[in-house]
Amino acid sequence: MARLVIQPAAQRYFKKIKNSNLKKLFKDAIAAILDDPSLGEMKRADLLGIQCVDIYYNKTNYEVAYHVVNVDTEEGIGETIVVVLLAGTRENFYKELKRYW
């Protein structure tokens, strides 16, 4: 199981979500990412190194963008850290992600 780090931009978005069903879909998506960090689609060009997972709810497409970091600990054991960079609706998502990344 990977360790989770959520960046401030994503935290602000998660805090704003009022709909409990949508909030649960985001939590389920993040849990799935932690179980299998290679789950998302790898982006190219300007966003190389970022993976995204789509969430569909109420005829709207939402995205979760994350980056996977593999770190070696002092014991020589590799640890996987999933950094959630940004979350939100698909509209202008990649433009904002490029600015953030």
Protein backbone atom coordinates (compact mmCIF):
# COMPACT_ATOMS: atom_id res chain seq x y z
CA MET A 1 0.00 0.00 0.00
CA ALA A 2 1.35 3.39 -0.98
CA ARG A 3 1.51 6.43 1.26
CA LEU A 4 -0.73 9.39 0.37
CA VAL A 5 0.23 13.07 0.22
CA ILE A 6 -2.41 15.61 -0.87
CA GLN A 7 -1.22 18.99 -2.13
CA PRO A 8 -3.00 22.18 -0.91
CA ALA A 9 -4.79 22.82 -4.22
CA ALA A 10 -6.41 19.38 -4.11
CA GLN A 11 -7.23 19.73 -0.40
CA ARG A 12 -9.07 22.99 -1.06
CA TYR A 13 -11.13 21.34 -3.80
CA PHE A 14 -12.02 18.31 -1.64
CA LYS A 15 -13.07 20.64 1.17
CA LYS A 16 -15.47 22.49 -1.14
CA ILE A 17 -17.37 19.35 -2.24
CA LYS A 18 -20.81 19.36 -0.62
CA ASN A 19 -22.35 16.33 -2.38
CA SER A 20 -21.66 13.21 -0.30
CA ASN A 21 -21.96 10.87 -3.31
CA LEU A 22 -19.35 12.82 -5.26
CA LYS A 23 -17.08 12.97 -2.22
CA LYS A 24 -17.37 9.18 -1.88
CA LEU A 25 -16.44 8.72 -5.56
CA PHE A 26 -13.29 10.80 -5.04
CA LYS A 27 -12.39 8.80 -1.89
CA ASP A 28 -12.95 5.52 -3.75
CA ALA A 29 -10.79 6.73 -6.66
CA ILE A 30 -7.96 7.70 -4.32
CA ALA A 31 -8.22 4.35 -2.50
CA ALA A 32 -7.98 2.56 -5.87
CA ILE A 33 -4.93 4.67 -6.78
CA LEU A 34 -3.25 3.75 -3.48
CA ASP A 35 -3.89 0.05 -4.15
CA ASP A 36 -2.54 0.30 -7.71
CA PRO A 37 -0.55 3.51 -8.46
CA SER A 38 -0.29 2.57 -12.15
CA LEU A 39 -4.09 2.80 -12.50
CA GLY A 40 -4.26 6.26 -14.09
CA GLU A 41 -3.49 7.32 -17.62
CA MET A 42 0.05 8.67 -18.01
CA LYS A 43 0.14 12.14 -19.57
CA ARG A 44 2.62 13.25 -22.22
CA ALA A 45 4.56 16.35 -23.29
CA ASP A 46 4.21 19.20 -20.75
CA LEU A 47 2.58 16.93 -18.17
CA LEU A 48 5.04 14.02 -18.37
CA GLY A 49 5.15 12.18 -15.05
CA ILE A 50 1.56 12.95 -14.10
CA GLN A 51 -1.19 10.35 -14.15
CA CYS A 52 -4.92 11.11 -14.17
CA VAL A 53 -8.02 9.16 -13.24
CA ASP A 54 -11.46 10.08 -14.57
CA ILE A 55 -14.56 10.17 -12.40
CA TYR A 56 -17.99 10.50 -13.99
CA TYR A 57 -20.85 11.79 -11.87
CA ASN A 58 -24.15 13.42 -12.82
CA LYS A 59 -23.15 13.90 -16.49
CA THR A 60 -19.95 15.72 -15.47
CA ASN A 61 -16.37 14.54 -15.92
CA TYR A 62 -14.04 15.05 -12.95
CA GLU A 63 -10.30 14.38 -12.82
CA VAL A 64 -7.74 13.49 -10.16
CA ALA A 65 -4.12 14.21 -11.12
CA TYR A 66 -1.31 12.53 -9.20
CA HIS A 67 2.39 11.81 -9.34
CA VAL A 68 4.05 8.63 -8.05
CA VAL A 69 7.38 8.90 -6.23
CA ASN A 70 9.46 5.88 -5.25
CA VAL A 71 11.75 6.51 -2.27
CA ASP A 72 14.33 4.20 -0.70
CA THR A 73 14.27 4.18 3.11
CA GLU A 74 17.25 3.69 5.42
CA GLU A 75 16.39 0.01 5.78
CA GLY A 76 16.76 -0.39 2.01
CA ILE A 77 13.05 -0.92 1.53
CA GLY A 78 11.41 0.99 -1.31
CA GLU A 79 8.42 3.12 -0.37
CA THR A 80 5.85 4.40 -2.85
CA ILE A 81 4.37 7.84 -2.26
CA VAL A 82 1.32 9.00 -4.23
CA VAL A 83 1.13 12.80 -4.42
CA VAL A 84 -2.34 14.05 -5.38
CA LEU A 85 -1.63 17.30 -7.20
CA LEU A 86 -5.02 18.54 -8.31
CA ALA A 87 -8.66 17.52 -8.52
CA GLY A 88 -11.66 19.12 -10.18
CA THR A 89 -13.95 19.22 -13.17
CA ARG A 90 -12.51 18.57 -16.62
CA GLU A 91 -13.21 22.14 -17.75
CA ASN A 92 -9.86 24.03 -17.78
CA PHE A 93 -8.35 21.24 -15.66
CA TYR A 94 -5.25 20.67 -17.78
CA LYS A 95 -4.60 24.39 -18.20
CA GLU A 96 -4.59 24.78 -14.42
CA LEU A 97 -2.53 21.62 -13.98
CA LYS A 98 0.17 22.93 -16.36
CA ARG A 99 0.35 26.11 -14.32
CA TYR A 100 0.59 24.12 -11.09
CA TRP A 101 3.07 21.51 -12.37
